[in-house]
Amino acid sequence: MSKPARSPTGPSLPLSMTGGNWIMLGVLSLIWGLGFLFTKIAVEEIGPPTMVPIRVSLGSVLLYAIVRLRNIPIPHGWALWRSLFVLGLLNTTLPFT
């Protein structure tokens, strides 16, 4: 007879937040919330047709810079880029429009 399998137990995590955790949560909330506030102000001032390309372009440039700084290889091949284009169209372009 074999022994029943035991489930592995990981390290126990604290169930309470420290002061540093609360500060990080507050900063994250500020960053997240201010993004929505600034987007609302920008859309009222310059309009959605201008704001969408600016927002998407800034995000693309930032992500490209992160990829280059971390030396992550950029994908090659038409099939992959075609899939990424369709994904971007469905997840970014259409919802913003």
PDB file of N, CA and C in Angstrom:
ATOM      1  N   MET A   1       0.826  -1.177   0.000  1.00  0.00           N
ATOM      2  CA  MET A   1       0.000   0.000   0.000  1.00  0.00           C
ATOM      3  C   MET A   1       0.874   1.246   0.000  1.00  0.00           C
ATOM      4  N   SER A   2       0.454   2.187  -0.780  1.00  0.00           N
ATOM      5  CA  SER A   2       1.214   3.435  -0.837  1.00  0.00           C
ATOM      6  C   SER A   2       0.581   4.468   0.089  1.00  0.00           C
ATOM      7  N   LYS A   3       1.402   5.409   0.472  1.00  0.00           N
ATOM      8  CA  LYS A   3       0.920   6.461   1.359  1.00  0.00           C
ATOM      9  C   LYS A   3       0.093   7.465   0.554  1.00  0.00           C
ATOM     10  N   PRO A   4      -0.928   8.047   1.160  1.00  0.00           N
ATOM     11  CA  PRO A   4      -1.694   9.075   0.452  1.00  0.00           C
ATOM     12  C   PRO A   4      -0.820  10.307   0.203  1.00  0.00           C
ATOM     13  N   ALA A   5      -1.052  10.928  -0.937  1.00  0.00           N
ATOM     14  CA  ALA A   5      -0.261  12.115  -1.293  1.00  0.00           C
ATOM     15  C   ALA A   5      -0.589  13.259  -0.339  1.00  0.00           C
ATOM     16  N   ARG A   6       0.474  13.942   0.093  1.00  0.00           N
ATOM     17  CA  ARG A   6       0.273  15.088   0.971  1.00  0.00           C
ATOM     18  C   ARG A   6       0.383  16.365   0.143  1.00  0.00           C
ATOM     19  N   SER A   7      -0.464  17.296   0.447  1.00  0.00           N
ATOM     20  CA  SER A   7      -0.376  18.558  -0.280  1.00  0.00           C
ATOM     21  C   SER A   7       0.749  19.391   0.320  1.00  0.00           C
ATOM     22  N   PRO A   8       1.562  20.010  -0.547  1.00  0.00           N
ATOM     23  CA  PRO A   8       2.665  20.825  -0.029  1.00  0.00           C
ATOM     24  C   PRO A   8       2.125  22.096   0.619  1.00  0.00           C
ATOM     25  N   THR A   9       2.783  22.481   1.652  1.00  0.00           N
ATOM     26  CA  THR A   9       2.382  23.728   2.295  1.00  0.00           C
ATOM     27  C   THR A   9       3.468  24.756   2.047  1.00  0.00           C
ATOM     28  N   GLY A  10       3.042  25.930   1.621  1.00  0.00           N
ATOM     29  CA  GLY A  10       3.996  26.997   1.342  1.00  0.00           C
ATOM     30  C   GLY A  10       4.249  27.814   2.589  1.00  0.00           C
ATOM     31  N   PRO A  11       5.058  28.838   2.434  1.00  0.00           N
ATOM     32  CA  PRO A  11       5.328  29.692   3.589  1.00  0.00           C
ATOM     33  C   PRO A  11       4.061  30.423   4.006  1.00  0.00           C
ATOM     34  N   SER A  12       3.903  30.585   5.284  1.00  0.00           N
ATOM     35  CA  SER A  12       2.712  31.287   5.751  1.00  0.00           C
ATOM     36  C   SER A  12       2.903  32.784   5.534  1.00  0.00           C
ATOM     37  N   LEU A  13       1.871  33.423   5.045  1.00  0.00           N
ATOM     38  CA  LEU A  13       1.916  34.851   4.783  1.00  0.00           C
ATOM     39  C   LEU A  13       1.198  35.595   5.896  1.00  0.00           C
ATOM     40  N   PRO A  14       1.703  36.766   6.245  1.00  0.00           N
ATOM     41  CA  PRO A  14       1.007  37.524   7.289  1.00  0.00           C
ATOM     42  C   PRO A  14      -0.360  37.972   6.785  1.00  0.00           C
ATOM     43  N   LEU A  15      -1.342  37.919   7.662  1.00  0.00           N
ATOM     44  CA  LEU A  15      -2.693  38.285   7.285  1.00  0.00           C
ATOM     45  C   LEU A  15      -2.993  39.748   7.578  1.00  0.00           C
ATOM     46  N   SER A  16      -2.071  40.452   8.193  1.00  0.00           N
ATOM     47  CA  SER A  16      -2.292  41.869   8.471  1.00  0.00           C
ATOM     48  C   SER A  16      -1.303  42.696   7.656  1.00  0.00           C
ATOM     49  N   MET A  17      -1.702  43.916   7.367  1.00  0.00           N
ATOM     50  CA  MET A  17      -0.848  44.793   6.567  1.00  0.00           C
ATOM     51  C   MET A  17      -0.010  45.668   7.484  1.00  0.00           C
ATOM     52  N   THR A  18       1.226  45.878   7.074  1.00  0.00           N
ATOM     53  CA  THR A  18       2.107  46.760   7.831  1.00  0.00           C
ATOM     54  C   THR A  18       1.894  48.192   7.359  1.00  0.00           C
ATOM     55  N   GLY A  19       2.516  49.120   8.039  1.00  0.00           N
ATOM     56  CA  GLY A  19       2.413  50.525   7.643  1.00  0.00           C
ATOM     57  C   GLY A  19       2.937  50.756   6.237  1.00  0.00           C
ATOM     58  N   GLY A  20       4.028  50.072   5.894  1.00  0.00           N
ATOM     59  CA  GLY A  20       4.584  50.201   4.540  1.00  0.00           C
ATOM     60  C   GLY A  20       3.626  49.683   3.478  1.00  0.00           C
ATOM     61  N   ASN A  21       2.919  48.607   3.792  1.00  0.00           N
ATOM     62  CA  ASN A  21       1.924  48.078   2.850  1.00  0.00           C
ATOM     63  C   ASN A  21       0.815  49.087   2.607  1.00  0.00           C
ATOM     64  N   TRP A  22       0.368  49.747   3.680  1.00  0.00           N
ATOM     65  CA  TRP A  22      -0.693  50.748   3.540  1.00  0.00           C
ATOM     66  C   TRP A  22      -0.210  51.940   2.709  1.00  0.00           C
ATOM     67  N   ILE A  23       1.039  52.334   2.900  1.00  0.00           N
ATOM     68  CA  ILE A  23       1.593  53.444   2.110  1.00  0.00           C
ATOM     69  C   ILE A  23       1.661  53.057   0.637  1.00  0.00           C
ATOM     70  N   MET A  24       2.165  51.845   0.348  1.00  0.00           N
ATOM     71  CA  MET A  24       2.232  51.399  -1.052  1.00  0.00           C
ATOM     72  C   MET A  24       0.853  51.313  -1.674  1.00  0.00           C
ATOM     73  N   LEU A  25      -0.129  50.843  -0.916  1.00  0.00           N
ATOM     74  CA  LEU A  25      -1.500  50.767  -1.418  1.00  0.00           C
ATOM     75  C   LEU A  25      -2.036  52.171  -1.698  1.00  0.00           C
ATOM     76  N   GLY A  26      -1.751  53.104  -0.828  1.00  0.00           N
ATOM     77  CA  GLY A  26      -2.186  54.486  -1.032  1.00  0.00           C
ATOM     78  C   GLY A  26      -1.550  55.119  -2.261  1.00  0.00           C
ATOM     79  N   VAL A  27      -0.256  54.906  -2.435  1.00  0.00           N
ATOM     80  CA  VAL A  27       0.431  55.450  -3.618  1.00  0.00           C
ATOM     81  C   VAL A  27      -0.125  54.828  -4.889  1.00  0.00           C
ATOM     82  N   LEU A  28      -0.327  53.531  -4.879  1.00  0.00           N
ATOM     83  CA  LEU A  28      -0.904  52.857  -6.040  1.00  0.00           C
ATOM     84  C   LEU A  28      -2.297  53.391  -6.347  1.00  0.00           C
ATOM     85  N   SER A  29      -3.101  53.608  -5.309  1.00  0.00           N
ATOM     86  CA  SER A  29      -4.446  54.156  -5.510  1.00  0.00           C
ATOM     87  C   SER A  29      -4.389  55.559  -6.095  1.00  0.00           C
ATOM     88  N   LEU A  30      -3.453  56.376  -5.612  1.00  0.00           N
ATOM     89  CA  LEU A  30      -3.297  57.722  -6.158  1.00  0.00           C
ATOM     90  C   LEU A  30      -2.911  57.688  -7.636  1.00  0.00           C
ATOM     91  N   ILE A  31      -1.933  56.854  -7.964  1.00  0.00           N
ATOM     92  CA  ILE A  31      -1.483  56.761  -9.356  1.00  0.00           C
ATOM     93  C   ILE A  31      -2.633  56.290 -10.241  1.00  0.00           C
ATOM     94  N   TRP A  32      -3.316  55.240  -9.816  1.00  0.00           N
ATOM     95  CA  TRP A  32      -4.410  54.677 -10.601  1.00  0.00           C
ATOM     96  C   TRP A  32      -5.545  55.687 -10.756  1.00  0.00           C
ATOM     97  N   GLY A  33      -5.949  56.302  -9.655  1.00  0.00           N
ATOM     98  CA  GLY A  33      -7.056  57.252  -9.685  1.00  0.00           C
ATOM     99  C   GLY A  33      -6.729  58.515 -10.458  1.00  0.00           C
ATOM    100  N   LEU A  34      -5.516  59.029 -10.307  1.00  0.00           N
ATOM    101  CA  LEU A  34      -5.137  60.237 -11.030  1.00  0.00           C
ATOM    102  C   LEU A  34      -5.109  59.995 -12.534  1.00  0.00           C
ATOM    103  N   GLY A  35      -4.773  58.780 -12.941  1.00  0.00           N
ATOM    104  CA  GLY A  35      -4.803  58.462 -14.368  1.00  0.00           C
ATOM    105  C   GLY A  35      -6.196  58.651 -14.954  1.00  0.00           C
ATOM    106  N   PHE A  36      -7.206  58.199 -14.231  1.00  0.00           N
ATOM    107  CA  PHE A  36      -8.585  58.377 -14.694  1.00  0.00           C
ATOM    108  C   PHE A  36      -8.987  59.850 -14.673  1.00  0.00           C
ATOM    109  N   LEU A  37      -8.582  60.584 -13.635  1.00  0.00           N
ATOM    110  CA  LEU A  37      -8.905  62.009 -13.544  1.00  0.00           C
ATOM    111  C   LEU A  37      -8.279  62.782 -14.696  1.00  0.00           C
ATOM    112  N   PHE A  38      -6.986  62.539 -14.953  1.00  0.00           N
ATOM    113  CA  PHE A  38      -6.317  63.256 -16.036  1.00  0.00           C
ATOM    114  C   PHE A  38      -6.883  62.882 -17.399  1.00  0.00           C
ATOM    115  N   THR A  39      -7.281  61.630 -17.568  1.00  0.00           N
ATOM    116  CA  THR A  39      -7.904  61.226 -18.829  1.00  0.00           C
ATOM    117  C   THR A  39      -9.226  61.950 -19.027  1.00  0.00           C
ATOM    118  N   LYS A  40     -10.012  62.065 -17.968  1.00  0.00           N
ATOM    119  CA  LYS A  40     -11.297  62.771 -18.069  1.00  0.00           C
ATOM    120  C   LYS A  40     -11.076  64.234 -18.439  1.00  0.00           C
ATOM    121  N   ILE A  41     -10.125  64.881 -17.800  1.00  0.00           N
ATOM    122  CA  ILE A  41      -9.832  66.289 -18.106  1.00  0.00           C
ATOM    123  C   ILE A  41      -9.337  66.428 -19.536  1.00  0.00           C
ATOM    124  N   ALA A  42      -8.435  65.548 -19.956  1.00  0.00           N
ATOM    125  CA  ALA A  42      -7.876  65.633 -21.309  1.00  0.00           C
ATOM    126  C   ALA A  42      -8.942  65.398 -22.369  1.00  0.00           C
ATOM    127  N   VAL A  43      -9.841  64.452 -22.139  1.00  0.00           N
ATOM    128  CA  VAL A  43     -10.896  64.169 -23.116  1.00  0.00           C
ATOM    129  C   VAL A  43     -11.818  65.374 -23.256  1.00  0.00           C
ATOM    130  N   GLU A  44     -12.106  66.051 -22.148  1.00  0.00           N
ATOM    131  CA  GLU A  44     -12.954  67.242 -22.220  1.00  0.00           C
ATOM    132  C   GLU A  44     -12.268  68.376 -22.961  1.00  0.00           C
ATOM    133  N   GLU A  45     -10.943  68.476 -22.851  1.00  0.00           N
ATOM    134  CA  GLU A  45     -10.209  69.579 -23.475  1.00  0.00           C
ATOM    135  C   GLU A  45      -9.864  69.317 -24.936  1.00  0.00           C
ATOM    136  N   ILE A  46      -9.393  68.111 -25.252  1.00  0.00           N
ATOM    137  CA  ILE A  46      -8.932  67.867 -26.626  1.00  0.00           C
ATOM    138  C   ILE A  46      -9.777  66.849 -27.379  1.00  0.00           C
ATOM    139  N   GLY A  47     -10.685  66.168 -26.721  1.00  0.00           N
ATOM    140  CA  GLY A  47     -11.590  65.241 -27.399  1.00  0.00           C
ATOM    141  C   GLY A  47     -11.026  63.842 -27.545  1.00  0.00           C
ATOM    142  N   PRO A  48     -11.918  62.847 -27.597  1.00  0.00           N
ATOM    143  CA  PRO A  48     -11.494  61.450 -27.711  1.00  0.00           C
ATOM    144  C   PRO A  48     -10.696  61.120 -28.976  1.00  0.00           C
ATOM    145  N   PRO A  49     -11.070  61.657 -30.165  1.00  0.00           N
ATOM    146  CA  PRO A  49     -10.298  61.269 -31.351  1.00  0.00           C
ATOM    147  C   PRO A  49      -8.820  61.661 -31.290  1.00  0.00           C
ATOM    148  N   THR A  50      -8.494  62.679 -30.515  1.00  0.00           N
ATOM    149  CA  THR A  50      -7.096  63.068 -30.349  1.00  0.00           C
ATOM    150  C   THR A  50      -6.480  62.360 -29.152  1.00  0.00           C
ATOM    151  N   MET A  51      -7.246  62.192 -28.106  1.00  0.00           N
ATOM    152  CA  MET A  51      -6.726  61.610 -26.870  1.00  0.00           C
ATOM    153  C   MET A  51      -6.355  60.141 -27.024  1.00  0.00           C
ATOM    154  N   VAL A  52      -7.144  59.390 -27.756  1.00  0.00           N
ATOM    155  CA  VAL A  52      -6.880  57.950 -27.891  1.00  0.00           C
ATOM    156  C   VAL A  52      -5.520  57.683 -28.533  1.00  0.00           C
ATOM    157  N   PRO A  53      -5.177  58.289 -29.681  1.00  0.00           N
ATOM    158  CA  PRO A  53      -3.850  58.015 -30.240  1.00  0.00           C
ATOM    159  C   PRO A  53      -2.705  58.486 -29.340  1.00  0.00           C
ATOM    160  N   ILE A  54      -2.906  59.609 -28.637  1.00  0.00           N
ATOM    161  CA  ILE A  54      -1.861  60.087 -27.731  1.00  0.00           C
ATOM    162  C   ILE A  54      -1.641  59.076 -26.607  1.00  0.00           C
ATOM    163  N   ARG A  55      -2.722  58.607 -26.005  1.00  0.00           N
ATOM    164  CA  ARG A  55      -2.618  57.669 -24.886  1.00  0.00           C
ATOM    165  C   ARG A  55      -2.000  56.339 -25.319  1.00  0.00           C
ATOM    166  N   VAL A  56      -2.447  55.832 -26.443  1.00  0.00           N
ATOM    167  CA  VAL A  56      -1.917  54.555 -26.933  1.00  0.00           C
ATOM    168  C   VAL A  56      -0.449  54.704 -27.339  1.00  0.00           C
ATOM    169  N   SER A  57      -0.105  55.823 -27.970  1.00  0.00           N
ATOM    170  CA  SER A  57       1.287  56.052 -28.377  1.00  0.00           C
ATOM    171  C   SER A  57       2.205  56.172 -27.173  1.00  0.00           C
ATOM    172  N   LEU A  58       1.788  56.919 -26.159  1.00  0.00           N
ATOM    173  CA  LEU A  58       2.614  57.041 -24.954  1.00  0.00           C
ATOM    174  C   LEU A  58       2.814  55.682 -24.284  1.00  0.00           C
ATOM    175  N   GLY A  59       1.751  54.897 -24.204  1.00  0.00           N
ATOM    176  CA  GLY A  59       1.871  53.560 -23.627  1.00  0.00           C
ATOM    177  C   GLY A  59       2.799  52.670 -24.432  1.00  0.00           C
ATOM    178  N   SER A  60       2.710  52.763 -25.757  1.00  0.00           N
ATOM    179  CA  SER A  60       3.563  51.945 -26.625  1.00  0.00           C
ATOM    180  C   SER A  60       5.029  52.322 -26.474  1.00  0.00           C
ATOM    181  N   VAL A  61       5.300  53.623 -26.440  1.00  0.00           N
ATOM    182  CA  VAL A  61       6.686  54.083 -26.288  1.00  0.00           C
ATOM    183  C   VAL A  61       7.248  53.648 -24.939  1.00  0.00           C
ATOM    184  N   LEU A  62       6.458  53.771 -23.883  1.00  0.00           N
ATOM    185  CA  LEU A  62       6.909  53.366 -22.558  1.00  0.00           C
ATOM    186  C   LEU A  62       7.185  51.854 -22.503  1.00  0.00           C
ATOM    187  N   LEU A  63       6.274  51.055 -23.044  1.00  0.00           N
ATOM    188  CA  LEU A  63       6.482  49.606 -23.043  1.00  0.00           C
ATOM    189  C   LEU A  63       7.695  49.213 -23.893  1.00  0.00           C
ATOM    190  N   TYR A  64       7.885  49.880 -25.037  1.00  0.00           N
ATOM    191  CA  TYR A  64       9.053  49.590 -25.886  1.00  0.00           C
ATOM    192  C   TYR A  64      10.347  49.923 -25.136  1.00  0.00           C
ATOM    193  N   ALA A  65      10.351  51.050 -24.424  1.00  0.00           N
ATOM    194  CA  ALA A  65      11.541  51.432 -23.660  1.00  0.00           C
ATOM    195  C   ALA A  65      11.846  50.396 -22.580  1.00  0.00           C
ATOM    196  N   ILE A  66      10.822  49.913 -21.898  1.00  0.00           N
ATOM    197  CA  ILE A  66      11.018  48.892 -20.858  1.00  0.00           C
ATOM    198  C   ILE A  66      11.576  47.613 -21.469  1.00  0.00           C
ATOM    199  N   VAL A  67      11.037  47.211 -22.614  1.00  0.00           N
ATOM    200  CA  VAL A  67      11.518  46.000 -23.291  1.00  0.00           C
ATOM    201  C   VAL A  67      12.991  46.153 -23.676  1.00  0.00           C
ATOM    202  N   ARG A  68      13.356  47.317 -24.209  1.00  0.00           N
ATOM    203  CA  ARG A  68      14.745  47.535 -24.625  1.00  0.00           C
ATOM    204  C   ARG A  68      15.682  47.603 -23.417  1.00  0.00           C
ATOM    205  N   LEU A  69      15.261  48.283 -22.346  1.00  0.00           N
ATOM    206  CA  LEU A  69      16.109  48.404 -21.163  1.00  0.00           C
ATOM    207  C   LEU A  69      16.331  47.062 -20.473  1.00  0.00           C
ATOM    208  N   ARG A  70      15.352  46.187 -20.525  1.00  0.00           N
ATOM    209  CA  ARG A  70      15.474  44.878 -19.875  1.00  0.00           C
ATOM    210  C   ARG A  70      16.032  43.816 -20.817  1.00  0.00           C
ATOM    211  N   ASN A  71      16.392  44.227 -22.036  1.00  0.00           N
ATOM    212  CA  ASN A  71      16.964  43.310 -23.039  1.00  0.00           C
ATOM    213  C   ASN A  71      16.057  42.123 -23.337  1.00  0.00           C
ATOM    214  N   ILE A  72      14.768  42.372 -23.394  1.00  0.00           N
ATOM    215  CA  ILE A  72      13.810  41.331 -23.753  1.00  0.00           C
ATOM    216  C   ILE A  72      13.759  41.266 -25.272  1.00  0.00           C
ATOM    217  N   PRO A  73      13.903  40.098 -25.866  1.00  0.00           N
ATOM    218  CA  PRO A  73      13.892  40.018 -27.335  1.00  0.00           C
ATOM    219  C   PRO A  73      12.530  40.404 -27.906  1.00  0.00           C
ATOM    220  N   ILE A  74      12.578  41.149 -29.005  1.00  0.00           N
ATOM    221  CA  ILE A  74      11.357  41.566 -29.686  1.00  0.00           C
ATOM    222  C   ILE A  74      10.937  40.440 -30.626  1.00  0.00           C
ATOM    223  N   PRO A  75       9.649  40.057 -30.614  1.00  0.00           N
ATOM    224  CA  PRO A  75       9.203  38.937 -31.443  1.00  0.00           C
ATOM    225  C   PRO A  75       9.393  39.207 -32.937  1.00  0.00           C
ATOM    226  N   HIS A  76       9.642  38.146 -33.667  1.00  0.00           N
ATOM    227  CA  HIS A  76       9.800  38.226 -35.122  1.00  0.00           C
ATOM    228  C   HIS A  76       8.801  37.289 -35.783  1.00  0.00           C
ATOM    229  N   GLY A  77       8.491  37.565 -37.009  1.00  0.00           N
ATOM    230  CA  GLY A  77       7.610  36.693 -37.766  1.00  0.00           C
ATOM    231  C   GLY A  77       6.253  37.322 -38.020  1.00  0.00           C
ATOM    232  N   TRP A  78       5.802  37.226 -39.261  1.00  0.00           N
ATOM    233  CA  TRP A  78       4.548  37.856 -39.677  1.00  0.00           C
ATOM    234  C   TRP A  78       3.347  37.281 -38.950  1.00  0.00           C
ATOM    235  N   ALA A  79       3.324  35.970 -38.739  1.00  0.00           N
ATOM    236  CA  ALA A  79       2.160  35.336 -38.101  1.00  0.00           C
ATOM    237  C   ALA A  79       1.958  35.875 -36.687  1.00  0.00           C
ATOM    238  N   LEU A  80       3.029  36.028 -35.931  1.00  0.00           N
ATOM    239  CA  LEU A  80       2.917  36.543 -34.570  1.00  0.00           C
ATOM    240  C   LEU A  80       2.465  38.005 -34.571  1.00  0.00           C
ATOM    241  N   TRP A  81       3.059  38.826 -35.449  1.00  0.00           N
ATOM    242  CA  TRP A  81       2.680  40.238 -35.495  1.00  0.00           C
ATOM    243  C   TRP A  81       1.239  40.417 -35.969  1.00  0.00           C
ATOM    244  N   ARG A  82       0.783  39.547 -36.864  1.00  0.00           N
ATOM    245  CA  ARG A  82      -0.612  39.609 -37.302  1.00  0.00           C
ATOM    246  C   ARG A  82      -1.538  39.321 -36.125  1.00  0.00           C
ATOM    247  N   SER A  83      -1.188  38.319 -35.317  1.00  0.00           N
ATOM    248  CA  SER A  83      -1.988  37.996 -34.122  1.00  0.00           C
ATOM    249  C   SER A  83      -1.973  39.156 -33.131  1.00  0.00           C
ATOM    250  N   LEU A  84      -0.817  39.771 -32.929  1.00  0.00           N
ATOM    251  CA  LEU A  84      -0.718  40.916 -32.022  1.00  0.00           C
ATOM    252  C   LEU A  84      -1.527  42.103 -32.547  1.00  0.00           C
ATOM    253  N   PHE A  85      -1.543  42.291 -33.862  1.00  0.00           N
ATOM    254  CA  PHE A  85      -2.321  43.373 -34.456  1.00  0.00           C
ATOM    255  C   PHE A  85      -3.818  43.158 -34.192  1.00  0.00           C
ATOM    256  N   VAL A  86      -4.291  41.941 -34.407  1.00  0.00           N
ATOM    257  CA  VAL A  86      -5.703  41.637 -34.160  1.00  0.00           C
ATOM    258  C   VAL A  86      -6.026  41.821 -32.675  1.00  0.00           C
ATOM    259  N   LEU A  87      -5.138  41.362 -31.801  1.00  0.00           N
ATOM    260  CA  LEU A  87      -5.335  41.532 -30.365  1.00  0.00           C
ATOM    261  C   LEU A  87      -5.412  43.011 -29.998  1.00  0.00           C
ATOM    262  N   GLY A  88      -4.510  43.820 -30.543  1.00  0.00           N
ATOM    263  CA  GLY A  88      -4.527  45.253 -30.287  1.00  0.00           C
ATOM    264  C   GLY A  88      -5.773  45.917 -30.817  1.00  0.00           C
ATOM    265  N   LEU A  89      -6.213  45.472 -31.983  1.00  0.00           N
ATOM    266  CA  LEU A  89      -7.434  46.030 -32.571  1.00  0.00           C
ATOM    267  C   LEU A  89      -8.643  45.749 -31.686  1.00  0.00           C
ATOM    268  N   LEU A  90      -8.752  44.515 -31.222  1.00  0.00           N
ATOM    269  CA  LEU A  90      -9.917  44.125 -30.415  1.00  0.00           C
ATOM    270  C   LEU A  90      -9.853  44.631 -28.974  1.00  0.00           C
ATOM    271  N   ASN A  91      -8.648  44.712 -28.400  1.00  0.00           N
ATOM    272  CA  ASN A  91      -8.535  45.085 -26.990  1.00  0.00           C
ATOM    273  C   ASN A  91      -8.246  46.561 -26.756  1.00  0.00           C
ATOM    274  N   THR A  92      -7.790  47.284 -27.772  1.00  0.00           N
ATOM    275  CA  THR A  92      -7.432  48.682 -27.583  1.00  0.00           C
ATOM    276  C   THR A  92      -8.244  49.603 -28.484  1.00  0.00           C
ATOM    277  N   THR A  93      -8.174  49.371 -29.766  1.00  0.00           N
ATOM    278  CA  THR A  93      -8.783  50.292 -30.713  1.00  0.00           C
ATOM    279  C   THR A  93     -10.302  50.333 -30.591  1.00  0.00           C
ATOM    280  N   LEU A  94     -10.946  49.190 -30.666  1.00  0.00           N
ATOM    281  CA  LEU A  94     -12.403  49.164 -30.608  1.00  0.00           C
ATOM    282  C   LEU A  94     -12.979  49.663 -29.278  1.00  0.00           C
ATOM    283  N   PRO A  95     -12.453  49.233 -28.121  1.00  0.00           N
ATOM    284  CA  PRO A  95     -13.019  49.761 -26.875  1.00  0.00           C
ATOM    285  C   PRO A  95     -12.840  51.269 -26.714  1.00  0.00           C
ATOM    286  N   PHE A  96     -11.702  51.810 -27.165  1.00  0.00           N
ATOM    287  CA  PHE A  96     -11.467  53.244 -27.031  1.00  0.00           C
ATOM    288  C   PHE A  96     -12.342  54.042 -27.997  1.00  0.00           C
ATOM    289  N   THR A  97     -12.745  53.418 -29.097  1.00  0.00           N
ATOM    290  CA  THR A  97     -13.550  54.143 -30.065  1.00  0.00           C
ATOM    291  C   THR A  97     -14.992  54.149 -29.631  1.00  0.00           C
TER     292      THR A  97
END
